[in-house]
C-alpha cells in the first residue's frame, strides 16, 4: 500500500480535489486514514450483499474506485448467475480496478466501466452501492440519481449509501469535526496536509444531514431506510425497495 503524501508539501494554489493518477496510487491508504470505520463498512457490505443478492441479477458498485466494495461482496454472495457492474468516472481508478478484479474474480463475473454514473443504464439490480459517491454530485442532481437507482432495482432490492454527514446542530458539528481531525492526526497526517486537503475538497464534496438523506431516499420511493453504521461524521444507510 503506497502511503498518501499528496498534500505533504506546501502548494502555492490548492486545486479542487480530483480522482486522478496521484490519488489512485495512494487511495487505499488515503481513505483508510481519512474515513473512520471505512474498513468495517467494506467488510459489512459483503454481509449485506449476501443477505440481499438475488439469483440471475446484477450488483452495481457506483463510484467503485479500486473495487474494494465489489471484492467484499463477491467473497460473500452465494447465489447463481450474479454479475458485478463497477462504474467510475475516473479513468485512473477504473484502469486499476479492472486489473485488481482480474486477479480475484472470473472474467465473466464483472465488468468495469469508465462513465458518468448518472448516465449509465441500470436494471435487474438486487444490490446497488454508492460508497462515498453521492456527496460528489451536485446537490440538485442527487434525487434524480436515487430515483434512477430505485427504478433499476428489483423488488426486495437494496441501496447501500455511505456518506459524510453534516449536522444541523452547530455544537454537534463542531464536536464531531474536532474528533475527526484528531482521527487524521492520529493516523499521521500533518496540520498542513489536513488544511490543504480540506481546501481541495471545499467545493467538491458537499455533505448532507442524515435527515436530508432520509427525506431524499423516501422521495425516491424507498419504503425502509436504516442507519446501519456511523463512525463520527461518516455514516452508511440501507434503503430497501418493497
C-alpha atoms as a PDB file:
ATOM      1  CA  UNK A   1       0.000   0.000   0.000  1.00  0.00           C
ATOM      2  CA  UNK A   2       1.566   3.283  -1.123  1.00  0.00           C
ATOM      3  CA  UNK A   3       1.438   5.999   1.553  1.00  0.00           C
ATOM      4  CA  UNK A   4      -0.600   9.131   0.900  1.00  0.00           C
ATOM      5  CA  UNK A   5       1.637  12.209   0.870  1.00  0.00           C
ATOM      6  CA  UNK A   6      -0.177  14.231  -1.818  1.00  0.00           C
ATOM      7  CA  UNK A   7      -0.653  17.265   0.442  1.00  0.00           C
ATOM      8  CA  UNK A   8       2.541  16.873   2.499  1.00  0.00           C
ATOM      9  CA  UNK A   9       4.348  19.779   0.802  1.00  0.00           C
ATOM     10  CA  UNK A  10       3.077  23.381   0.586  1.00  0.00           C
ATOM     11  CA  UNK A  11       1.102  24.070  -2.580  1.00  0.00           C
ATOM     12  CA  UNK A  12       1.039  27.608  -3.929  1.00  0.00           C
ATOM     13  CA  UNK A  13      -2.542  27.158  -5.057  1.00  0.00           C
ATOM     14  CA  UNK A  14      -4.619  24.236  -3.829  1.00  0.00           C
ATOM     15  CA  UNK A  15      -6.714  22.997  -6.738  1.00  0.00           C
ATOM     16  CA  UNK A  16     -10.023  21.160  -6.411  1.00  0.00           C
ATOM     17  CA  UNK A  17      -9.704  17.517  -5.432  1.00  0.00           C
ATOM     18  CA  UNK A  18      -9.890  15.036  -8.305  1.00  0.00           C
ATOM     19  CA  UNK A  19      -9.582  11.266  -8.539  1.00  0.00           C
ATOM     20  CA  UNK A  20      -6.508  11.435 -10.760  1.00  0.00           C
ATOM     21  CA  UNK A  21      -3.462   9.189 -11.147  1.00  0.00           C
ATOM     22  CA  UNK A  22      -1.825  10.524  -7.987  1.00  0.00           C
ATOM     23  CA  UNK A  23      -4.924   9.795  -5.892  1.00  0.00           C
ATOM     24  CA  UNK A  24      -5.404   6.365  -7.464  1.00  0.00           C
ATOM     25  CA  UNK A  25      -1.830   5.480  -6.497  1.00  0.00           C
ATOM     26  CA  UNK A  26      -2.471   6.107  -2.788  1.00  0.00           C
ATOM     27  CA  UNK A  27      -6.240   5.705  -2.496  1.00  0.00           C
ATOM     28  CA  UNK A  28      -6.357   2.686  -0.137  1.00  0.00           C
ATOM     29  CA  UNK A  29      -4.069   4.448   2.348  1.00  0.00           C
ATOM     30  CA  UNK A  30      -5.841   7.802   1.911  1.00  0.00           C
ATOM     31  CA  UNK A  31      -9.338   6.545   2.623  1.00  0.00           C
ATOM     32  CA  UNK A  32      -8.254   4.256   5.468  1.00  0.00           C
ATOM     33  CA  UNK A  33      -6.568   7.170   7.253  1.00  0.00           C
ATOM     34  CA  UNK A  34      -9.351   9.665   6.468  1.00  0.00           C
ATOM     35  CA  UNK A  35     -12.677   7.851   6.957  1.00  0.00           C
ATOM     36  CA  UNK A  36     -13.412   6.368  10.401  1.00  0.00           C
ATOM     37  CA  UNK A  37     -14.848   2.877  10.077  1.00  0.00           C
ATOM     38  CA  UNK A  38     -14.140   2.529   6.358  1.00  0.00           C
ATOM     39  CA  UNK A  39     -12.713  -0.984   6.661  1.00  0.00           C
ATOM     40  CA  UNK A  40     -15.703  -2.073   8.759  1.00  0.00           C
ATOM     41  CA  UNK A  41     -18.117  -0.693   6.160  1.00  0.00           C
ATOM     42  CA  UNK A  42     -16.332  -2.565   3.383  1.00  0.00           C
ATOM     43  CA  UNK A  43     -16.413  -5.840   5.322  1.00  0.00           C
ATOM     44  CA  UNK A  44     -20.096  -5.498   6.192  1.00  0.00           C
ATOM     45  CA  UNK A  45     -21.052  -4.628   2.616  1.00  0.00           C
ATOM     46  CA  UNK A  46     -20.267  -8.256   1.875  1.00  0.00           C
ATOM     47  CA  UNK A  47     -22.580  -9.426   4.638  1.00  0.00           C
ATOM     48  CA  UNK A  48     -25.414  -7.183   3.429  1.00  0.00           C
ATOM     49  CA  UNK A  49     -24.939  -8.306  -0.156  1.00  0.00           C
ATOM     50  CA  UNK A  50     -25.053 -11.917   0.992  1.00  0.00           C
ATOM     51  CA  UNK A  51     -28.466 -11.199   2.529  1.00  0.00           C
ATOM     52  CA  UNK A  52     -29.990  -9.316  -0.426  1.00  0.00           C
ATOM     53  CA  UNK A  53     -28.310 -10.583  -3.614  1.00  0.00           C
ATOM     54  CA  UNK A  54     -30.808 -12.341  -5.867  1.00  0.00           C
ATOM     55  CA  UNK A  55     -30.090 -15.085  -8.417  1.00  0.00           C
ATOM     56  CA  UNK A  56     -29.790 -14.006 -12.060  1.00  0.00           C
ATOM     57  CA  UNK A  57     -29.338 -10.339 -11.093  1.00  0.00           C
ATOM     58  CA  UNK A  58     -26.673  -7.631 -11.039  1.00  0.00           C
ATOM     59  CA  UNK A  59     -24.837  -5.804  -8.289  1.00  0.00           C
ATOM     60  CA  UNK A  60     -23.817  -2.253  -9.185  1.00  0.00           C
ATOM     61  CA  UNK A  61     -20.839  -0.582  -7.496  1.00  0.00           C
ATOM     62  CA  UNK A  62     -21.273   3.069  -8.461  1.00  0.00           C
ATOM     63  CA  UNK A  63     -18.203   5.177  -7.843  1.00  0.00           C
ATOM     64  CA  UNK A  64     -16.296   1.930  -7.494  1.00  0.00           C
ATOM     65  CA  UNK A  65     -12.797   3.447  -7.106  1.00  0.00           C
ATOM     66  CA  UNK A  66     -10.448   0.421  -6.879  1.00  0.00           C
ATOM     67  CA  UNK A  67     -13.194  -2.162  -6.383  1.00  0.00           C
ATOM     68  CA  UNK A  68     -12.909  -2.838  -2.634  1.00  0.00           C
ATOM     69  CA  UNK A  69     -16.707  -2.971  -2.219  1.00  0.00           C
ATOM     70  CA  UNK A  70     -17.081  -5.377  -5.130  1.00  0.00           C
ATOM     71  CA  UNK A  71     -14.390  -7.709  -3.805  1.00  0.00           C
ATOM     72  CA  UNK A  72     -16.020  -7.787  -0.384  1.00  0.00           C
ATOM     73  CA  UNK A  73     -19.419  -8.593  -1.847  1.00  0.00           C
ATOM     74  CA  UNK A  74     -18.087 -11.156  -4.312  1.00  0.00           C
ATOM     75  CA  UNK A  75     -16.434 -13.004  -1.439  1.00  0.00           C
ATOM     76  CA  UNK A  76     -19.740 -13.358   0.395  1.00  0.00           C
ATOM     77  CA  UNK A  77     -22.616 -13.793  -2.068  1.00  0.00           C
ATOM     78  CA  UNK A  78     -23.917 -17.315  -2.560  1.00  0.00           C
ATOM     79  CA  UNK A  79     -26.431 -17.094  -5.422  1.00  0.00           C
ATOM     80  CA  UNK A  80     -26.092 -18.306  -9.002  1.00  0.00           C
ATOM     81  CA  UNK A  81     -25.700 -16.230 -12.139  1.00  0.00           C
ATOM     82  CA  UNK A  82     -24.791 -12.984 -10.388  1.00  0.00           C
ATOM     83  CA  UNK A  83     -22.702 -10.322 -12.126  1.00  0.00           C
ATOM     84  CA  UNK A  84     -21.000  -7.159 -10.893  1.00  0.00           C
ATOM     85  CA  UNK A  85     -21.029  -3.829 -12.730  1.00  0.00           C
ATOM     86  CA  UNK A  86     -18.390  -1.379 -11.495  1.00  0.00           C
ATOM     87  CA  UNK A  87     -18.646   2.222 -12.662  1.00  0.00           C
ATOM     88  CA  UNK A  88     -16.442   5.250 -12.003  1.00  0.00           C
ATOM     89  CA  UNK A  89     -15.812   8.430 -13.988  1.00  0.00           C
ATOM     90  CA  UNK A  90     -12.076   8.321 -13.224  1.00  0.00           C
ATOM     91  CA  UNK A  91     -10.028   6.544 -15.870  1.00  0.00           C
ATOM     92  CA  UNK A  92      -7.167   6.177 -13.378  1.00  0.00           C
ATOM     93  CA  UNK A  93      -9.460   4.385 -10.945  1.00  0.00           C
ATOM     94  CA  UNK A  94     -11.239   2.124 -13.425  1.00  0.00           C
ATOM     95  CA  UNK A  95      -7.978   1.035 -15.051  1.00  0.00           C
ATOM     96  CA  UNK A  96      -6.569  -0.105 -11.721  1.00  0.00           C
ATOM     97  CA  UNK A  97      -9.925  -1.513 -10.611  1.00  0.00           C
ATOM     98  CA  UNK A  98     -10.085  -3.778 -13.640  1.00  0.00           C
ATOM     99  CA  UNK A  99      -6.551  -5.019 -13.029  1.00  0.00           C
ATOM    100  CA  UNK A 100      -7.355  -5.806  -9.385  1.00  0.00           C
ATOM    101  CA  UNK A 101     -10.634  -7.583 -10.154  1.00  0.00           C
ATOM    102  CA  UNK A 102      -8.975  -9.647 -12.887  1.00  0.00           C
ATOM    103  CA  UNK A 103      -6.657 -11.081 -10.240  1.00  0.00           C
ATOM    104  CA  UNK A 104      -9.514 -12.151  -7.973  1.00  0.00           C
ATOM    105  CA  UNK A 105     -12.703 -12.782  -9.966  1.00  0.00           C
ATOM    106  CA  UNK A 106     -13.625 -14.810 -13.059  1.00  0.00           C
ATOM    107  CA  UNK A 107     -13.623 -12.548 -16.119  1.00  0.00           C
ATOM    108  CA  UNK A 108     -17.275 -13.246 -16.895  1.00  0.00           C
ATOM    109  CA  UNK A 109     -18.440 -12.225 -13.440  1.00  0.00           C
ATOM    110  CA  UNK A 110     -17.736  -8.494 -13.678  1.00  0.00           C
ATOM    111  CA  UNK A 111     -17.448  -5.518 -15.970  1.00  0.00           C
ATOM    112  CA  UNK A 112     -15.774  -2.192 -15.271  1.00  0.00           C
ATOM    113  CA  UNK A 113     -16.948   0.979 -16.993  1.00  0.00           C
ATOM    114  CA  UNK A 114     -15.385   4.432 -17.034  1.00  0.00           C
ATOM    115  CA  UNK A 115     -18.565   6.501 -17.232  1.00  0.00           C
ATOM    116  CA  UNK A 116     -20.803   9.029 -15.515  1.00  0.00           C
ATOM    117  CA  UNK A 117     -22.933   7.079 -13.038  1.00  0.00           C
ATOM    118  CA  UNK A 118     -25.857   9.367 -13.829  1.00  0.00           C
ATOM    119  CA  UNK A 119     -25.824   8.322 -17.483  1.00  0.00           C
ATOM    120  CA  UNK A 120     -25.489   4.540 -17.280  1.00  0.00           C
ATOM    121  CA  UNK A 121     -28.355   2.115 -17.835  1.00  0.00           C
ATOM    122  CA  UNK A 122     -29.231   0.417 -14.578  1.00  0.00           C
ATOM    123  CA  UNK A 123     -31.539  -2.595 -14.496  1.00  0.00           C
ATOM    124  CA  UNK A 124     -32.118  -6.022 -12.958  1.00  0.00           C
ATOM    125  CA  UNK A 125     -30.227  -4.891  -9.848  1.00  0.00           C
ATOM    126  CA  UNK A 126     -30.623  -6.616  -6.496  1.00  0.00           C
ATOM    127  CA  UNK A 127     -27.916  -4.540  -4.752  1.00  0.00           C
ATOM    128  CA  UNK A 128     -26.576  -1.076  -5.555  1.00  0.00           C
ATOM    129  CA  UNK A 129     -23.675   0.504  -3.660  1.00  0.00           C
ATOM    130  CA  UNK A 130     -22.952   4.238  -3.503  1.00  0.00           C
ATOM    131  CA  UNK A 131     -19.947   4.227  -1.202  1.00  0.00           C
ATOM    132  CA  UNK A 132     -18.975   7.875  -0.539  1.00  0.00           C
ATOM    133  CA  UNK A 133     -20.037   8.795  -4.071  1.00  0.00           C
ATOM    134  CA  UNK A 134     -23.331  10.726  -3.945  1.00  0.00           C
ATOM    135  CA  UNK A 135     -21.619  13.517  -1.983  1.00  0.00           C
ATOM    136  CA  UNK A 136     -19.582  14.386  -5.086  1.00  0.00           C
ATOM    137  CA  UNK A 137     -22.687  15.028  -7.211  1.00  0.00           C
ATOM    138  CA  UNK A 138     -24.266  18.475  -7.245  1.00  0.00           C
ATOM    139  CA  UNK A 139     -26.982  18.624  -4.550  1.00  0.00           C
ATOM    140  CA  UNK A 140     -29.732  19.309  -7.098  1.00  0.00           C
ATOM    141  CA  UNK A 141     -28.749  16.153  -9.032  1.00  0.00           C
ATOM    142  CA  UNK A 142     -28.881  13.731  -6.120  1.00  0.00           C
ATOM    143  CA  UNK A 143     -32.601  12.966  -6.013  1.00  0.00           C
ATOM    144  CA  UNK A 144     -32.657  12.139  -9.730  1.00  0.00           C
ATOM    145  CA  UNK A 145     -29.744   9.743  -9.190  1.00  0.00           C
ATOM    146  CA  UNK A 146     -31.570   7.975  -6.359  1.00  0.00           C
ATOM    147  CA  UNK A 147     -34.739   7.707  -8.434  1.00  0.00           C
ATOM    148  CA  UNK A 148     -32.715   6.218 -11.280  1.00  0.00           C
ATOM    149  CA  UNK A 149     -31.341   3.609  -8.879  1.00  0.00           C
ATOM    150  CA  UNK A 150     -34.764   2.871  -7.417  1.00  0.00           C
ATOM    151  CA  UNK A 151     -36.212   2.260 -10.866  1.00  0.00           C
ATOM    152  CA  UNK A 152     -33.374  -0.132 -11.721  1.00  0.00           C
ATOM    153  CA  UNK A 153     -33.733  -2.201  -8.543  1.00  0.00           C
ATOM    154  CA  UNK A 154     -35.722  -5.409  -8.369  1.00  0.00           C
ATOM    155  CA  UNK A 155     -38.452  -5.696  -5.716  1.00  0.00           C
ATOM    156  CA  UNK A 156     -36.688  -6.531  -2.468  1.00  0.00           C
ATOM    157  CA  UNK A 157     -33.501  -4.909  -3.739  1.00  0.00           C
ATOM    158  CA  UNK A 158     -31.380  -2.561  -1.660  1.00  0.00           C
ATOM    159  CA  UNK A 159     -29.272   0.547  -1.975  1.00  0.00           C
ATOM    160  CA  UNK A 160     -26.318   0.916   0.389  1.00  0.00           C
ATOM    161  CA  UNK A 161     -25.462   4.603   0.673  1.00  0.00           C
ATOM    162  CA  UNK A 162     -22.344   5.693   2.567  1.00  0.00           C
ATOM    163  CA  UNK A 163     -21.738   9.427   3.044  1.00  0.00           C
ATOM    164  CA  UNK A 164     -20.012  12.064   5.092  1.00  0.00           C
ATOM    165  CA  UNK A 165     -22.612  13.814   7.248  1.00  0.00           C
ATOM    166  CA  UNK A 166     -23.324  17.442   8.010  1.00  0.00           C
ATOM    167  CA  UNK A 167     -25.106  18.189  11.309  1.00  0.00           C
ATOM    168  CA  UNK A 168     -27.864  20.742  11.826  1.00  0.00           C
ATOM    169  CA  UNK A 169     -26.768  21.379  15.406  1.00  0.00           C
ATOM    170  CA  UNK A 170     -23.679  23.621  15.391  1.00  0.00           C
ATOM    171  CA  UNK A 171     -22.251  22.195  18.624  1.00  0.00           C
ATOM    172  CA  UNK A 172     -22.588  18.604  17.366  1.00  0.00           C
ATOM    173  CA  UNK A 173     -20.974  19.585  14.079  1.00  0.00           C
ATOM    174  CA  UNK A 174     -18.052  21.258  15.848  1.00  0.00           C
ATOM    175  CA  UNK A 175     -17.517  18.325  18.223  1.00  0.00           C
ATOM    176  CA  UNK A 176     -17.509  15.613  15.567  1.00  0.00           C
ATOM    177  CA  UNK A 177     -15.354  17.727  13.241  1.00  0.00           C
ATOM    178  CA  UNK A 178     -12.797  18.160  16.028  1.00  0.00           C
ATOM    179  CA  UNK A 179     -12.706  14.424  16.752  1.00  0.00           C
ATOM    180  CA  UNK A 180     -12.400  13.660  13.038  1.00  0.00           C
ATOM    181  CA  UNK A 181      -9.381  15.973  12.853  1.00  0.00           C
ATOM    182  CA  UNK A 182      -7.863  14.115  15.803  1.00  0.00           C
ATOM    183  CA  UNK A 183      -8.505  10.854  13.935  1.00  0.00           C
ATOM    184  CA  UNK A 184      -6.487  12.177  10.993  1.00  0.00           C
ATOM    185  CA  UNK A 185      -3.675  13.381  13.252  1.00  0.00           C
ATOM    186  CA  UNK A 186      -3.606  10.001  14.967  1.00  0.00           C
ATOM    187  CA  UNK A 187      -3.183   8.415  11.531  1.00  0.00           C
ATOM    188  CA  UNK A 188      -0.128  10.527  10.774  1.00  0.00           C
ATOM    189  CA  UNK A 189      -1.491  13.464   8.793  1.00  0.00           C
ATOM    190  CA  UNK A 190       0.183  16.821   9.483  1.00  0.00           C
ATOM    191  CA  UNK A 191      -1.672  20.083  10.020  1.00  0.00           C
ATOM    192  CA  UNK A 192      -0.534  21.167   6.544  1.00  0.00           C
ATOM    193  CA  UNK A 193      -1.899  18.010   4.945  1.00  0.00           C
ATOM    194  CA  UNK A 194      -5.223  18.353   6.767  1.00  0.00           C
ATOM    195  CA  UNK A 195      -5.587  22.020   5.849  1.00  0.00           C
ATOM    196  CA  UNK A 196      -4.659  21.641   2.182  1.00  0.00           C
ATOM    197  CA  UNK A 197      -6.883  18.612   1.649  1.00  0.00           C
ATOM    198  CA  UNK A 198      -9.806  20.387   3.296  1.00  0.00           C
ATOM    199  CA  UNK A 199      -9.299  23.320   0.905  1.00  0.00           C
ATOM    200  CA  UNK A 200      -9.166  20.925  -2.052  1.00  0.00           C
ATOM    201  CA  UNK A 201     -12.476  19.333  -1.044  1.00  0.00           C
ATOM    202  CA  UNK A 202     -14.344  22.522  -0.080  1.00  0.00           C
ATOM    203  CA  UNK A 203     -16.178  22.979  -3.389  1.00  0.00           C
ATOM    204  CA  UNK A 204     -16.154  19.309  -4.444  1.00  0.00           C
ATOM    205  CA  UNK A 205     -17.572  17.335  -1.516  1.00  0.00           C
ATOM    206  CA  UNK A 206     -20.815  18.862  -0.212  1.00  0.00           C
ATOM    207  CA  UNK A 207     -22.313  16.770   2.628  1.00  0.00           C
ATOM    208  CA  UNK A 208     -25.972  16.481   3.642  1.00  0.00           C
ATOM    209  CA  UNK A 209     -27.585  15.905   7.026  1.00  0.00           C
ATOM    210  CA  UNK A 210     -28.964  12.497   7.929  1.00  0.00           C
ATOM    211  CA  UNK A 211     -32.495  13.931   7.735  1.00  0.00           C
ATOM    212  CA  UNK A 212     -31.837  15.182   4.194  1.00  0.00           C
ATOM    213  CA  UNK A 213     -30.671  11.720   3.153  1.00  0.00           C
ATOM    214  CA  UNK A 214     -33.756  10.033   4.600  1.00  0.00           C
ATOM    215  CA  UNK A 215     -36.112  12.577   3.046  1.00  0.00           C
ATOM    216  CA  UNK A 216     -34.464  12.181  -0.356  1.00  0.00           C
ATOM    217  CA  UNK A 217     -34.451   8.385  -0.229  1.00  0.00           C
ATOM    218  CA  UNK A 218     -38.130   8.316   0.703  1.00  0.00           C
ATOM    219  CA  UNK A 219     -38.912  10.782  -2.083  1.00  0.00           C
ATOM    220  CA  UNK A 220     -37.138   8.422  -4.484  1.00  0.00           C
ATOM    221  CA  UNK A 221     -39.539   5.647  -3.438  1.00  0.00           C
ATOM    222  CA  UNK A 222     -37.691   3.613  -0.796  1.00  0.00           C
ATOM    223  CA  UNK A 223     -40.017   2.291   1.900  1.00  0.00           C
ATOM    224  CA  UNK A 224     -37.459   1.462   4.590  1.00  0.00           C
ATOM    225  CA  UNK A 225     -34.332   3.464   5.410  1.00  0.00           C
ATOM    226  CA  UNK A 226     -31.997   2.316   8.188  1.00  0.00           C
ATOM    227  CA  UNK A 227     -28.827   3.924   9.510  1.00  0.00           C
ATOM    228  CA  UNK A 228     -26.819   0.729   9.937  1.00  0.00           C
ATOM    229  CA  UNK A 229     -23.400   2.243  10.634  1.00  0.00           C
ATOM    230  CA  UNK A 230     -21.885   5.506  11.838  1.00  0.00           C
ATOM    231  CA  UNK A 231     -18.303   6.411  12.660  1.00  0.00           C
ATOM    232  CA  UNK A 232     -18.094  10.048  13.816  1.00  0.00           C
ATOM    233  CA  UNK A 233     -19.349  12.147  10.874  1.00  0.00           C
ATOM    234  CA  UNK A 234     -19.461   9.270   8.392  1.00  0.00           C
ATOM    235  CA  UNK A 235     -22.478   7.003   8.046  1.00  0.00           C
ATOM    236  CA  UNK A 236     -23.935   4.251   5.903  1.00  0.00           C
ATOM    237  CA  UNK A 237     -27.646   3.817   5.218  1.00  0.00           C
ATOM    238  CA  UNK A 238     -29.592   0.838   3.934  1.00  0.00           C
ATOM    239  CA  UNK A 239     -32.601   1.665   1.742  1.00  0.00           C
ATOM    240  CA  UNK A 240     -34.974  -1.154   0.767  1.00  0.00           C
ATOM    241  CA  UNK A 241     -37.308  -1.294  -2.211  1.00  0.00           C
ATOM    242  CA  UNK A 242     -40.569  -3.047  -1.362  1.00  0.00           C
END
